[in-house]
Amino acid sequence: MLIKVTDLETYRDHFLKLLNYPKPLRDQLILEFPVLNAFRTTEVATVTVEDIDLEHGDIKVLDSMKHEKIKVPLDPNIAKHLKEYLKRSSFTSGFIFRPGPKAGRRTTKHLTDTAIDYIWGKWCRAAGISYMSARYGRAYFALDWYLIQRKNIIALKQILRTSFKDLERYLPKYRYEDLKGEFQRGLKH
């Protein structure tokens, strides 16, 4: 398990501090996608303009595990920031997040996982918090969804785009057996 339940409040404080720290809108979005929409690093890197449907509040994410695009609802904060970001920038490559001008000749048309990890580290240091990553943002999303907001486990599984067994990585072991029973009861109805 990435985040212990006993540390949930600490992580909440760190993520709030990180997201509220002033930074360029592009970097804000890179941090928000994992924390508020449970995106994996690769999924953040490969978001394209065509994937975004602000009118319906959805985004198609290239599921890095299944290698297919899946439509998921956008968090309202991300939708607001994306709308503003799309007005300000041009997207010649089609990707929302491109490498900067200092990236060099051998770069891809989108940010790499390493670049996204660098951005996370940069803003964690600036905000004065211990290093966290997109993976921790995704884990926090799962714990908050199920333990704090008390939302449905089946919906969480769909949002995380993961198998039921893989939920064990995000949720406490003692909760896993409860969840398994809830999941099986949901299948019967």
Protein backbone atom coordinates (compact mmCIF):
# COMPACT_ATOMS: atom_id res chain seq x y z
CA MET A 1 0.00 0.00 0.00
CA LEU A 2 1.43 3.37 -1.02
CA ILE A 3 -0.23 5.54 1.63
CA LYS A 4 -1.07 4.38 5.15
CA VAL A 5 -4.51 5.34 6.41
CA THR A 6 -2.91 6.92 9.47
CA ASP A 7 -1.00 9.29 7.14
CA LEU A 8 -4.06 10.32 5.13
CA GLU A 9 -4.45 13.71 6.86
CA THR A 10 -0.77 14.48 6.35
CA TYR A 11 -1.04 13.66 2.65
CA ARG A 12 -4.19 15.75 2.36
CA ASP A 13 -2.33 18.72 3.88
CA HIS A 14 0.65 18.16 1.57
CA PHE A 15 -1.50 17.90 -1.56
CA LEU A 16 -3.50 20.99 -0.62
CA LYS A 17 -0.29 22.92 -0.02
CA LEU A 18 1.17 21.65 -3.31
CA LEU A 19 -1.92 22.45 -5.38
CA ASN A 20 -2.41 25.87 -3.78
CA TYR A 21 1.24 26.91 -4.27
CA PRO A 22 1.46 29.48 -7.11
CA LYS A 23 2.81 27.99 -10.34
CA PRO A 24 2.23 28.18 -14.10
CA LEU A 25 -1.13 26.78 -15.23
CA ARG A 26 0.54 24.00 -17.23
CA ASP A 27 2.33 22.67 -14.14
CA GLN A 28 -0.84 23.09 -12.06
CA LEU A 29 -2.67 20.78 -14.46
CA ILE A 30 0.17 18.25 -14.44
CA LEU A 31 -0.18 18.05 -10.65
CA GLU A 32 -3.98 18.06 -10.62
CA PHE A 33 -4.60 15.18 -13.05
CA PRO A 34 -3.26 12.43 -10.69
CA VAL A 35 -4.61 13.94 -7.46
CA LEU A 36 -8.07 14.95 -8.70
CA ASN A 37 -8.67 12.51 -11.58
CA ALA A 38 -6.43 9.50 -10.71
CA PHE A 39 -4.31 9.71 -13.90
CA ARG A 40 -1.10 7.72 -14.20
CA THR A 41 2.03 9.66 -15.24
CA THR A 42 1.93 8.27 -18.79
CA GLU A 43 -1.75 9.14 -19.05
CA VAL A 44 -1.01 12.76 -18.09
CA ALA A 45 1.79 12.93 -20.66
CA THR A 46 -0.34 11.70 -23.56
CA VAL A 47 -3.47 13.87 -23.19
CA THR A 48 -4.36 15.42 -26.55
CA VAL A 49 -6.63 18.31 -27.48
CA GLU A 50 -9.02 15.87 -29.19
CA ASP A 51 -9.38 13.87 -25.95
CA ILE A 52 -11.00 16.79 -24.11
CA ASP A 53 -14.75 17.39 -24.18
CA LEU A 54 -15.34 20.41 -21.95
CA GLU A 55 -18.94 20.72 -23.10
CA HIS A 56 -19.82 17.37 -21.47
CA GLY A 57 -17.09 17.52 -18.79
CA ASP A 58 -15.32 14.38 -20.04
CA ILE A 59 -11.87 13.40 -21.15
CA LYS A 60 -10.66 10.35 -23.02
CA VAL A 61 -7.61 8.94 -21.33
CA LEU A 62 -5.18 6.60 -23.03
CA ASP A 63 -5.22 3.84 -20.44
CA SER A 64 -1.55 2.95 -20.13
CA MET A 65 -2.36 -0.57 -18.98
CA LYS A 66 -4.96 -1.52 -21.61
CA HIS A 67 -3.63 0.74 -24.40
CA GLU A 68 -7.07 2.04 -25.31
CA LYS A 69 -8.90 5.33 -24.81
CA ILE A 70 -11.49 5.37 -22.05
CA LYS A 71 -13.87 8.26 -21.35
CA VAL A 72 -13.84 9.50 -17.74
CA PRO A 73 -15.52 12.51 -16.10
CA LEU A 74 -13.27 15.51 -15.47
CA ASP A 75 -12.90 16.97 -12.01
CA PRO A 76 -14.53 20.47 -12.09
CA ASN A 77 -11.24 22.17 -11.06
CA ILE A 78 -9.35 20.48 -13.87
CA ALA A 79 -12.11 21.38 -16.35
CA LYS A 80 -11.91 25.04 -15.30
CA HIS A 81 -8.12 25.11 -15.57
CA LEU A 82 -8.12 23.23 -18.89
CA LYS A 83 -10.57 25.70 -20.40
CA GLU A 84 -8.28 28.58 -19.46
CA TYR A 85 -5.15 26.69 -20.59
CA LEU A 86 -6.65 25.82 -23.98
CA LYS A 87 -7.39 29.51 -24.62
CA ARG A 88 -3.80 30.55 -23.88
CA SER A 89 -1.78 27.97 -25.77
CA SER A 90 -1.35 26.57 -29.25
CA PHE A 91 -1.10 22.83 -29.68
CA THR A 92 0.70 22.11 -32.95
CA SER A 93 1.67 18.58 -31.89
CA GLY A 94 -1.84 17.79 -30.64
CA PHE A 95 -0.53 17.00 -27.15
CA ILE A 96 -1.52 19.25 -24.26
CA PHE A 97 1.82 18.98 -22.48
CA ARG A 98 4.86 19.37 -24.75
CA PRO A 99 8.54 19.45 -23.86
CA GLY A 100 9.99 22.91 -23.36
CA PRO A 101 12.38 24.69 -25.74
CA LYS A 102 15.44 23.30 -23.91
CA ALA A 103 14.34 19.68 -24.37
CA GLY A 104 16.75 18.86 -27.19
CA ARG A 105 16.42 17.26 -30.61
CA ARG A 106 15.64 13.68 -29.56
CA THR A 107 12.49 14.37 -27.60
CA THR A 108 8.98 13.08 -28.18
CA LYS A 109 6.09 15.37 -29.05
CA HIS A 110 4.77 15.05 -25.50
CA LEU A 111 6.30 15.19 -22.05
CA THR A 112 8.01 12.07 -20.78
CA ASP A 113 7.35 10.37 -17.45
CA THR A 114 10.77 11.62 -16.30
CA ALA A 115 9.86 15.23 -17.12
CA ILE A 116 6.61 14.90 -15.18
CA ASP A 117 8.48 13.43 -12.19
CA TYR A 118 10.88 16.40 -12.39
CA ILE A 119 7.93 18.84 -12.34
CA TRP A 120 6.50 17.09 -9.27
CA GLY A 121 9.86 17.28 -7.49
CA LYS A 122 10.34 20.93 -8.41
CA TRP A 123 7.00 22.03 -6.96
CA CYS A 124 7.27 19.81 -3.87
CA ARG A 125 10.59 21.52 -3.06
CA ALA A 126 9.14 24.97 -3.78
CA ALA A 127 6.11 24.32 -1.55
CA GLY A 128 8.37 23.00 1.23
CA ILE A 129 6.91 19.50 1.39
CA SER A 130 8.49 16.07 1.11
CA TYR A 131 8.65 14.60 -2.39
CA MET A 132 5.48 13.07 -3.71
CA SER A 133 4.73 11.80 -7.19
CA ALA A 134 1.79 11.24 -9.51
CA ARG A 135 1.62 7.72 -8.09
CA TYR A 136 1.02 9.11 -4.60
CA GLY A 137 -1.63 11.43 -6.02
CA ARG A 138 -3.42 8.46 -7.53
CA ALA A 139 -3.18 6.51 -4.25
CA TYR A 140 -4.52 9.49 -2.32
CA PHE A 141 -7.42 9.77 -4.76
CA ALA A 142 -8.36 6.12 -4.09
CA LEU A 143 -8.19 6.42 -0.29
CA ASP A 144 -10.10 9.69 -0.26
CA TRP A 145 -12.75 8.28 -2.63
CA TYR A 146 -13.48 5.21 -0.55
CA LEU A 147 -12.56 6.03 3.06
CA ILE A 148 -13.39 9.73 3.32
CA GLN A 149 -16.12 10.33 0.74
CA ARG A 150 -17.56 6.81 1.18
CA LYS A 151 -18.21 6.39 -2.52
CA ASN A 152 -18.81 3.16 -4.40
CA ILE A 153 -15.94 0.69 -4.86
CA ILE A 154 -17.14 -0.39 -8.31
CA ALA A 155 -17.02 3.23 -9.52
CA LEU A 156 -13.52 3.58 -8.02
CA LYS A 157 -12.37 0.51 -9.92
CA GLN A 158 -13.66 2.04 -13.17
CA ILE A 159 -12.11 5.45 -12.51
CA LEU A 160 -8.73 3.94 -11.64
CA ARG A 161 -8.97 1.76 -14.75
CA THR A 162 -7.59 -1.18 -12.84
CA SER A 163 -8.54 -4.69 -11.80
CA PHE A 164 -10.23 -5.38 -8.50
CA LYS A 165 -7.12 -7.22 -7.29
CA ASP A 166 -4.97 -4.15 -8.05
CA LEU A 167 -7.14 -2.03 -5.76
CA GLU A 168 -5.27 -3.78 -2.96
CA ARG A 169 -2.26 -1.54 -3.74
CA TYR A 170 -4.30 1.56 -2.98
CA LEU A 171 -6.51 0.49 -0.10
CA PRO A 172 -5.60 -0.95 3.32
CA LYS A 173 -5.35 -4.74 3.54
CA TYR A 174 -7.98 -4.97 6.27
CA ARG A 175 -10.43 -3.11 4.00
CA TYR A 176 -9.70 -5.35 1.03
CA GLU A 177 -11.79 -8.27 2.34
CA ASP A 178 -14.71 -5.91 3.06
CA LEU A 179 -14.40 -4.51 -0.44
CA LYS A 180 -14.28 -7.93 -2.01
CA GLY A 181 -17.60 -8.78 -0.35
CA GLU A 182 -19.14 -5.45 -1.38
CA PHE A 183 -17.96 -5.98 -4.95
CA GLN A 184 -19.42 -9.48 -5.10
CA ARG A 185 -22.76 -8.28 -3.63
CA GLY A 186 -22.80 -5.55 -6.32
CA LEU A 187 -22.38 -8.16 -9.05
CA LYS A 188 -25.40 -10.12 -7.79
CA HIS A 189 -27.75 -7.12 -7.96
